[in-house]
Amino acid sequence: SDGSIRLHQMTSEYPVMQWNDSTNGQPVIALQWALTRPTVFFALDASSSIYIWDLLENDLLPVAKETIPSEKVVAMALLGEPEKANGLLGIVLAREPGQIDIQYVKKKWASP
């Protein structure tokens, strides 16, 4: 609820990494690892901003932020085929009035 994100390993109750105020204090609505690139994850906050984290590029801050204009985004899911080497990765966004958008991610954040 405060915008912090914690990375845990299954064998410890303490986080390996913790990013406080990672969304400028906005609650995190959804967070998901990229299906095609294991060092990348996406976070959606309550103000309809998507943060892209690539831990190989920068493990302190997100590498990109995209604010979705118009209607509020209430859910996010990722789609892709990790067993294929084409590196296609999409983000499915559900907007408040019931619209669903699919957007593709740049190859640099999607390729294995």
N, C-alpha and C. Protein backbone atom coordinates (compact mmCIF):
# COMPACT_ATOMS: atom_id res chain seq x y z
N SER A 1 0.81 -1.22 0.00
CA SER A 1 0.00 0.00 0.00
C SER A 1 0.85 1.28 0.00
N ASP A 2 2.13 1.17 0.37
CA ASP A 2 2.98 2.36 0.43
C ASP A 2 3.92 2.49 -0.77
N GLY A 3 3.81 1.58 -1.73
CA GLY A 3 4.65 1.64 -2.91
C GLY A 3 5.97 0.91 -2.79
N SER A 4 6.18 0.21 -1.68
CA SER A 4 7.43 -0.53 -1.55
C SER A 4 7.30 -1.91 -2.20
N ILE A 5 8.43 -2.40 -2.72
CA ILE A 5 8.49 -3.71 -3.36
C ILE A 5 9.62 -4.48 -2.71
N ARG A 6 9.36 -5.75 -2.39
CA ARG A 6 10.37 -6.59 -1.78
C ARG A 6 10.58 -7.85 -2.61
N LEU A 7 11.84 -8.24 -2.76
CA LEU A 7 12.20 -9.47 -3.46
C LEU A 7 12.66 -10.48 -2.43
N HIS A 8 11.97 -11.61 -2.37
CA HIS A 8 12.30 -12.65 -1.39
C HIS A 8 12.77 -13.92 -2.09
N GLN A 9 13.54 -14.71 -1.38
CA GLN A 9 13.80 -16.07 -1.80
C GLN A 9 13.01 -16.98 -0.88
N MET A 10 12.69 -18.15 -1.36
CA MET A 10 11.77 -19.04 -0.64
C MET A 10 12.32 -19.53 0.70
N THR A 11 13.61 -19.49 0.92
CA THR A 11 14.20 -20.05 2.13
C THR A 11 14.40 -19.05 3.26
N SER A 12 13.97 -17.80 3.06
CA SER A 12 14.21 -16.78 4.08
C SER A 12 13.01 -15.86 4.22
N GLU A 13 12.77 -15.44 5.44
CA GLU A 13 11.68 -14.49 5.66
C GLU A 13 12.11 -13.04 5.39
N TYR A 14 13.42 -12.83 5.26
CA TYR A 14 13.94 -11.49 5.02
C TYR A 14 14.15 -11.26 3.53
N PRO A 15 13.85 -10.07 3.05
CA PRO A 15 14.00 -9.81 1.61
C PRO A 15 15.46 -9.77 1.17
N VAL A 16 15.70 -10.22 -0.04
CA VAL A 16 17.01 -10.12 -0.67
C VAL A 16 17.25 -8.67 -1.08
N MET A 17 16.21 -8.03 -1.62
CA MET A 17 16.24 -6.62 -2.00
C MET A 17 14.94 -5.98 -1.57
N GLN A 18 14.99 -4.69 -1.30
CA GLN A 18 13.78 -3.95 -0.97
C GLN A 18 13.90 -2.56 -1.57
N TRP A 19 12.84 -2.16 -2.26
CA TRP A 19 12.79 -0.83 -2.86
C TRP A 19 11.66 -0.06 -2.18
N ASN A 20 12.00 0.87 -1.32
CA ASN A 20 11.00 1.69 -0.63
C ASN A 20 10.54 2.81 -1.54
N ASP A 21 9.27 3.14 -1.45
CA ASP A 21 8.71 4.26 -2.20
C ASP A 21 9.00 4.14 -3.70
N SER A 22 8.95 2.91 -4.21
CA SER A 22 9.29 2.67 -5.61
C SER A 22 8.29 3.24 -6.60
N THR A 23 7.09 3.58 -6.13
CA THR A 23 6.05 4.14 -6.99
C THR A 23 5.63 5.53 -6.50
N ASN A 24 6.54 6.24 -5.90
CA ASN A 24 6.25 7.58 -5.35
C ASN A 24 5.10 7.55 -4.36
N GLY A 25 5.01 6.47 -3.59
CA GLY A 25 3.99 6.37 -2.55
C GLY A 25 2.65 5.81 -3.00
N GLN A 26 2.48 5.58 -4.30
CA GLN A 26 1.22 5.02 -4.81
C GLN A 26 1.16 3.52 -4.50
N PRO A 27 0.00 3.01 -4.10
CA PRO A 27 -0.12 1.57 -3.86
C PRO A 27 0.17 0.76 -5.12
N VAL A 28 0.82 -0.38 -4.95
CA VAL A 28 1.08 -1.29 -6.05
C VAL A 28 -0.16 -2.14 -6.26
N ILE A 29 -0.72 -2.10 -7.47
CA ILE A 29 -1.94 -2.85 -7.81
C ILE A 29 -1.59 -4.24 -8.31
N ALA A 30 -0.54 -4.34 -9.14
CA ALA A 30 -0.14 -5.62 -9.72
C ALA A 30 1.37 -5.61 -9.93
N LEU A 31 1.96 -6.80 -9.84
CA LEU A 31 3.37 -6.96 -10.09
C LEU A 31 3.57 -8.34 -10.71
N GLN A 32 4.33 -8.40 -11.80
CA GLN A 32 4.53 -9.69 -12.46
C GLN A 32 5.89 -9.73 -13.14
N TRP A 33 6.55 -10.90 -13.03
CA TRP A 33 7.80 -11.13 -13.73
C TRP A 33 7.53 -11.32 -15.21
N ALA A 34 8.47 -10.89 -16.04
CA ALA A 34 8.38 -11.13 -17.48
C ALA A 34 8.47 -12.63 -17.72
N LEU A 35 7.66 -13.12 -18.64
CA LEU A 35 7.64 -14.55 -18.93
C LEU A 35 8.82 -14.97 -19.79
N THR A 36 9.42 -14.03 -20.51
CA THR A 36 10.46 -14.36 -21.46
C THR A 36 11.86 -13.92 -21.01
N ARG A 37 11.95 -13.11 -19.97
CA ARG A 37 13.26 -12.61 -19.50
C ARG A 37 13.23 -12.57 -17.97
N PRO A 38 13.95 -13.46 -17.31
CA PRO A 38 13.81 -13.62 -15.85
C PRO A 38 14.32 -12.48 -14.99
N THR A 39 15.01 -11.50 -15.55
CA THR A 39 15.50 -10.38 -14.74
C THR A 39 14.60 -9.15 -14.81
N VAL A 40 13.49 -9.26 -15.52
CA VAL A 40 12.60 -8.12 -15.74
C VAL A 40 11.26 -8.37 -15.05
N PHE A 41 10.77 -7.33 -14.35
CA PHE A 41 9.41 -7.39 -13.83
C PHE A 41 8.72 -6.05 -14.03
N PHE A 42 7.40 -6.09 -13.98
CA PHE A 42 6.56 -4.93 -14.22
C PHE A 42 5.68 -4.70 -13.00
N ALA A 43 5.52 -3.43 -12.63
CA ALA A 43 4.65 -3.07 -11.52
C ALA A 43 3.65 -2.01 -12.00
N LEU A 44 2.40 -2.20 -11.63
CA LEU A 44 1.33 -1.24 -11.93
C LEU A 44 0.93 -0.58 -10.62
N ASP A 45 0.87 0.75 -10.60
CA ASP A 45 0.45 1.44 -9.38
C ASP A 45 -0.97 1.99 -9.52
N ALA A 46 -1.49 2.53 -8.45
CA ALA A 46 -2.87 3.01 -8.40
C ALA A 46 -3.13 4.23 -9.27
N SER A 47 -2.08 4.91 -9.73
CA SER A 47 -2.26 6.07 -10.61
C SER A 47 -2.12 5.68 -12.09
N SER A 48 -2.22 4.38 -12.39
CA SER A 48 -2.14 3.84 -13.75
C SER A 48 -0.77 4.04 -14.39
N SER A 49 0.29 3.99 -13.60
CA SER A 49 1.65 4.02 -14.11
C SER A 49 2.23 2.62 -14.06
N ILE A 50 2.96 2.27 -15.12
CA ILE A 50 3.63 0.98 -15.18
C ILE A 50 5.13 1.24 -15.07
N TYR A 51 5.76 0.53 -14.16
CA TYR A 51 7.20 0.64 -13.94
C TYR A 51 7.85 -0.64 -14.46
N ILE A 52 8.91 -0.48 -15.25
CA ILE A 52 9.63 -1.62 -15.78
C ILE A 52 10.98 -1.68 -15.07
N TRP A 53 11.23 -2.82 -14.46
CA TRP A 53 12.48 -3.06 -13.75
C TRP A 53 13.28 -4.11 -14.51
N ASP A 54 14.54 -3.83 -14.82
CA ASP A 54 15.46 -4.81 -15.39
C ASP A 54 16.65 -4.87 -14.44
N LEU A 55 16.71 -5.92 -13.65
CA LEU A 55 17.72 -6.00 -12.60
C LEU A 55 19.14 -6.14 -13.14
N LEU A 56 19.30 -6.57 -14.40
CA LEU A 56 20.63 -6.60 -14.99
C LEU A 56 21.11 -5.20 -15.39
N GLU A 57 20.16 -4.34 -15.74
CA GLU A 57 20.50 -2.98 -16.16
C GLU A 57 20.65 -2.04 -14.98
N ASN A 58 19.72 -2.13 -14.02
CA ASN A 58 19.75 -1.26 -12.84
C ASN A 58 18.97 -1.95 -11.73
N ASP A 59 19.62 -2.25 -10.63
CA ASP A 59 18.91 -2.91 -9.54
C ASP A 59 18.47 -1.94 -8.44
N LEU A 60 18.61 -0.64 -8.69
CA LEU A 60 18.20 0.36 -7.71
C LEU A 60 16.91 1.08 -8.09
N LEU A 61 16.69 1.28 -9.40
CA LEU A 61 15.54 2.05 -9.88
C LEU A 61 14.92 1.37 -11.09
N PRO A 62 13.66 1.68 -11.39
CA PRO A 62 13.09 1.16 -12.64
C PRO A 62 13.82 1.74 -13.84
N VAL A 63 13.88 0.96 -14.92
CA VAL A 63 14.54 1.43 -16.14
C VAL A 63 13.59 2.25 -17.01
N ALA A 64 12.29 2.13 -16.76
CA ALA A 64 11.31 2.91 -17.52
C ALA A 64 10.02 3.04 -16.72
N LYS A 65 9.29 4.09 -17.04
CA LYS A 65 7.97 4.32 -16.44
C LYS A 65 7.06 4.83 -17.53
N GLU A 66 5.87 4.27 -17.60
CA GLU A 66 4.88 4.68 -18.60
C GLU A 66 3.56 4.92 -17.87
N THR A 67 3.04 6.13 -18.01
CA THR A 67 1.74 6.45 -17.42
C THR A 67 0.68 6.27 -18.50
N ILE A 68 -0.36 5.53 -18.18
CA ILE A 68 -1.43 5.25 -19.13
C ILE A 68 -2.47 6.36 -19.00
N PRO A 69 -2.70 7.11 -20.09
CA PRO A 69 -3.66 8.22 -20.03
C PRO A 69 -5.11 7.72 -20.04
N SER A 70 -6.00 8.62 -19.86
CA SER A 70 -7.46 8.44 -19.89
C SER A 70 -7.94 7.55 -18.75
N GLU A 71 -8.68 6.49 -19.05
CA GLU A 71 -9.33 5.70 -18.01
C GLU A 71 -8.32 4.99 -17.10
N LYS A 72 -8.73 4.78 -15.88
CA LYS A 72 -7.88 4.14 -14.88
C LYS A 72 -7.65 2.67 -15.22
N VAL A 73 -6.40 2.22 -15.08
CA VAL A 73 -6.06 0.81 -15.28
C VAL A 73 -6.23 0.10 -13.94
N VAL A 74 -7.04 -0.96 -13.93
CA VAL A 74 -7.35 -1.65 -12.68
C VAL A 74 -6.69 -3.02 -12.56
N ALA A 75 -6.16 -3.55 -13.66
CA ALA A 75 -5.48 -4.85 -13.62
C ALA A 75 -4.48 -4.94 -14.75
N MET A 76 -3.46 -5.79 -14.54
CA MET A 76 -2.42 -5.99 -15.53
C MET A 76 -2.02 -7.46 -15.52
N ALA A 77 -1.76 -8.00 -16.69
CA ALA A 77 -1.23 -9.35 -16.82
C ALA A 77 -0.25 -9.36 -17.99
N LEU A 78 0.71 -10.27 -17.94
CA LEU A 78 1.68 -10.39 -19.02
C LEU A 78 1.39 -11.65 -19.81
N LEU A 79 1.69 -11.59 -21.10
CA LEU A 79 1.54 -12.78 -21.93
C LEU A 79 2.79 -12.94 -22.77
N GLY A 80 3.11 -14.17 -23.05
CA GLY A 80 4.30 -14.48 -23.84
C GLY A 80 4.52 -15.98 -23.82
N GLU A 81 5.45 -16.42 -24.64
CA GLU A 81 5.77 -17.84 -24.72
C GLU A 81 7.24 -18.03 -24.39
N PRO A 82 7.55 -18.35 -23.13
CA PRO A 82 8.96 -18.45 -22.72
C PRO A 82 9.74 -19.53 -23.45
N GLU A 83 9.05 -20.55 -23.97
CA GLU A 83 9.75 -21.62 -24.66
C GLU A 83 10.17 -21.25 -26.07
N LYS A 84 9.67 -20.13 -26.59
CA LYS A 84 10.05 -19.68 -27.93
C LYS A 84 11.11 -18.58 -27.82
N ALA A 85 12.02 -18.57 -28.76
CA ALA A 85 13.14 -17.61 -28.73
C ALA A 85 12.81 -16.28 -29.39
N ASN A 86 11.55 -16.08 -29.83
CA ASN A 86 11.22 -14.83 -30.52
C ASN A 86 11.15 -13.63 -29.58
N GLY A 87 11.04 -13.87 -28.29
CA GLY A 87 11.06 -12.78 -27.32
C GLY A 87 9.84 -11.89 -27.32
N LEU A 88 8.72 -12.36 -27.87
CA LEU A 88 7.50 -11.54 -27.83
C LEU A 88 6.92 -11.54 -26.42
N LEU A 89 6.65 -10.36 -25.91
CA LEU A 89 6.06 -10.20 -24.58
C LEU A 89 5.02 -9.10 -24.66
N GLY A 90 3.83 -9.37 -24.18
CA GLY A 90 2.76 -8.39 -24.21
C GLY A 90 2.24 -8.09 -22.81
N ILE A 91 1.68 -6.92 -22.67
CA ILE A 91 1.03 -6.51 -21.43
C ILE A 91 -0.45 -6.35 -21.72
N VAL A 92 -1.27 -7.01 -20.94
CA VAL A 92 -2.72 -6.87 -21.05
C VAL A 92 -3.16 -5.94 -19.93
N LEU A 93 -3.85 -4.86 -20.30
CA LEU A 93 -4.31 -3.87 -19.33
C LEU A 93 -5.83 -3.83 -19.32
N ALA A 94 -6.42 -3.93 -18.15
CA ALA A 94 -7.87 -3.81 -18.01
C ALA A 94 -8.15 -2.42 -17.46
N ARG A 95 -8.97 -1.67 -18.19
CA ARG A 95 -9.32 -0.31 -17.78
C ARG A 95 -10.66 -0.31 -17.05
N GLU A 96 -10.88 0.72 -16.24
CA GLU A 96 -12.06 0.80 -15.39
C GLU A 96 -13.40 0.64 -16.13
N PRO A 97 -13.59 1.24 -17.30
CA PRO A 97 -14.90 1.07 -17.94
C PRO A 97 -15.08 -0.29 -18.61
N GLY A 98 -14.08 -1.19 -18.50
CA GLY A 98 -14.23 -2.52 -19.07
C GLY A 98 -13.43 -2.76 -20.34
N GLN A 99 -12.67 -1.80 -20.80
CA GLN A 99 -11.84 -1.98 -21.99
C GLN A 99 -10.61 -2.80 -21.65
N ILE A 100 -10.14 -3.58 -22.63
CA ILE A 100 -8.91 -4.34 -22.48
C ILE A 100 -7.98 -3.95 -23.61
N ASP A 101 -6.74 -3.60 -23.27
CA ASP A 101 -5.71 -3.24 -24.25
C ASP A 101 -4.58 -4.26 -24.16
N ILE A 102 -3.98 -4.56 -25.30
CA ILE A 102 -2.78 -5.39 -25.33
C ILE A 102 -1.69 -4.56 -26.00
N GLN A 103 -0.57 -4.42 -25.31
CA GLN A 103 0.55 -3.68 -25.84
C GLN A 103 1.78 -4.57 -25.79
N TYR A 104 2.63 -4.46 -26.80
CA TYR A 104 3.84 -5.26 -26.84
C TYR A 104 5.00 -4.48 -26.26
N VAL A 105 5.90 -5.21 -25.61
CA VAL A 105 7.05 -4.64 -24.91
C VAL A 105 8.25 -4.61 -25.86
N LYS A 106 9.10 -3.60 -25.71
CA LYS A 106 10.31 -3.50 -26.52
C LYS A 106 11.15 -4.78 -26.36
N LYS A 107 11.81 -5.15 -27.44
CA LYS A 107 12.61 -6.39 -27.47
C LYS A 107 13.67 -6.40 -26.36
N LYS A 108 14.25 -5.25 -26.02
CA LYS A 108 15.34 -5.24 -25.03
C LYS A 108 14.87 -5.69 -23.65
N TRP A 109 13.56 -5.57 -23.37
CA TRP A 109 13.03 -6.05 -22.09
C TRP A 109 12.32 -7.38 -22.21
N ALA A 110 12.21 -7.89 -23.43
CA ALA A 110 11.46 -9.13 -23.66
C ALA A 110 12.34 -10.29 -24.10
N SER A 111 13.44 -10.01 -24.79
CA SER A 111 14.27 -11.08 -25.33
C SER A 111 15.00 -11.84 -24.23
N PRO A 112 15.05 -13.17 -24.37
CA PRO A 112 15.74 -13.99 -23.35
C PRO A 112 17.23 -13.68 -23.28
